[in-house]
Amino acid sequence: MSCLHTDDCETPCLDEFRAFEEKKQEMLNENPPLSPKLTSTLKIPLESMLFSPSDIEEGLSRPPFLSLDVVELSEHGCRQVCSRQGSVNVRNHCVVT
């Protein structure tokens, strides 16, 4: 059920609904019929914050050693290993390979 058929909407919005429906019908009566649609194209450049495209192409994005497993340290472990003053930034993650 459209809100057009409610008392709250019909009175203030009837003109807009009629105008929309009339324009929609005009489009559908075109030859060939046009259907209303919205098309949008976004171009978003994606780049690694750690490696440039040339680094990745040259294999410089890989570690210089064989990594068989990656384990994230707990917050306490990360604080002990990676922090100078015993505090660790919440956004940091420490991993052991």
Protein backbone atom coordinates (compact mmCIF):
# COMPACT_ATOMS: atom_id res chain seq x y z
CA MET A 1 0.00 0.00 0.00
CA SER A 2 1.41 3.35 -1.04
CA CYS A 3 1.38 6.19 1.44
CA LEU A 4 -0.66 8.06 -1.19
CA HIS A 5 -3.69 6.17 0.03
CA THR A 6 -3.33 7.35 3.62
CA ASP A 7 -5.06 10.46 4.92
CA ASP A 8 -1.74 11.96 6.11
CA CYS A 9 -0.15 11.80 2.67
CA GLU A 10 -2.97 12.07 0.13
CA THR A 11 -3.89 15.68 0.78
CA PRO A 12 -0.43 17.30 0.79
CA CYS A 13 1.22 14.99 -1.79
CA LEU A 14 -1.52 14.17 -4.30
CA ASP A 15 -0.32 16.67 -6.93
CA GLU A 16 3.24 15.33 -6.80
CA PHE A 17 2.09 11.72 -7.03
CA ARG A 18 -0.15 12.49 -10.03
CA ALA A 19 2.62 14.41 -11.81
CA PHE A 20 5.04 11.52 -11.25
CA GLU A 21 2.56 8.90 -12.48
CA GLU A 22 1.69 10.98 -15.57
CA LYS A 23 5.38 11.43 -16.49
CA LYS A 24 6.03 7.73 -15.90
CA GLN A 25 3.14 6.81 -18.20
CA GLU A 26 4.47 9.18 -20.90
CA MET A 27 7.85 7.44 -20.73
CA LEU A 28 6.23 4.00 -21.00
CA ASN A 29 4.22 5.16 -24.04
CA GLU A 30 7.39 6.20 -25.91
CA ASN A 31 8.52 4.03 -28.81
CA PRO A 32 10.59 2.15 -27.65
CA PRO A 33 9.29 2.40 -24.08
CA LEU A 34 11.63 4.09 -21.66
CA SER A 35 11.82 2.75 -18.15
CA PRO A 36 12.91 5.05 -15.34
CA LYS A 37 16.26 4.07 -13.92
CA LEU A 38 19.29 5.50 -12.23
CA THR A 39 22.75 4.59 -13.42
CA SER A 40 25.85 5.64 -11.57
CA THR A 41 29.49 4.79 -12.17
CA LEU A 42 32.16 5.38 -9.57
CA LYS A 43 35.87 5.24 -10.21
CA ILE A 44 37.72 4.71 -6.96
CA PRO A 45 41.48 4.21 -7.07
CA LEU A 46 42.52 1.49 -4.66
CA GLU A 47 46.08 1.39 -3.45
CA SER A 48 47.77 -0.52 -0.69
CA MET A 49 48.88 1.70 2.15
CA LEU A 50 51.85 -0.62 2.60
CA PHE A 51 53.05 -1.33 -0.93
CA SER A 52 53.07 0.48 -4.25
CA PRO A 53 51.84 -1.30 -7.40
CA SER A 54 55.45 -1.63 -8.61
CA ASP A 55 56.43 -3.27 -5.28
CA ILE A 56 53.67 -5.83 -5.74
CA GLU A 57 54.65 -6.50 -9.37
CA GLU A 58 58.30 -6.99 -8.35
CA GLY A 59 57.40 -9.29 -5.47
CA LEU A 60 58.61 -6.82 -2.83
CA SER A 61 55.29 -7.06 -0.98
CA ARG A 62 56.14 -10.57 0.23
CA PRO A 63 58.16 -11.18 3.38
CA PRO A 64 61.83 -12.10 2.88
CA PHE A 65 61.20 -15.41 4.65
CA LEU A 66 58.81 -18.33 4.37
CA SER A 67 55.72 -17.72 6.47
CA LEU A 68 53.81 -20.89 7.36
CA ASP A 69 51.41 -19.35 9.85
CA VAL A 70 50.40 -15.94 11.22
CA VAL A 71 49.15 -15.54 14.79
CA GLU A 72 47.90 -12.32 16.38
CA LEU A 73 49.25 -11.60 19.84
CA SER A 74 46.91 -10.72 22.69
CA GLU A 75 46.76 -7.10 23.80
CA HIS A 76 48.97 -7.94 26.80
CA GLY A 77 51.50 -9.76 24.60
CA CYS A 78 51.50 -6.95 22.07
CA ARG A 79 52.11 -4.42 24.86
CA GLN A 80 55.07 -6.46 26.15
CA VAL A 81 56.68 -7.03 22.75
CA CYS A 82 55.87 -3.93 20.75
CA SER A 83 55.66 -1.05 23.23
CA ARG A 84 58.45 0.96 24.80
CA GLN A 85 56.46 2.34 27.71
CA GLY A 86 54.11 -0.57 28.40
CA SER A 87 51.15 0.96 26.57
CA VAL A 88 49.92 -0.07 23.18
CA ASN A 89 47.75 1.85 20.76
CA VAL A 90 44.35 0.16 20.52
CA ARG A 91 44.49 0.32 16.71
CA ASN A 92 47.77 -1.63 16.56
CA HIS A 93 47.79 -5.34 15.98
CA CYS A 94 50.87 -7.46 16.60
CA VAL A 95 51.39 -10.62 14.64
CA VAL A 96 53.98 -13.37 14.81
CA THR A 97 54.80 -15.39 11.68
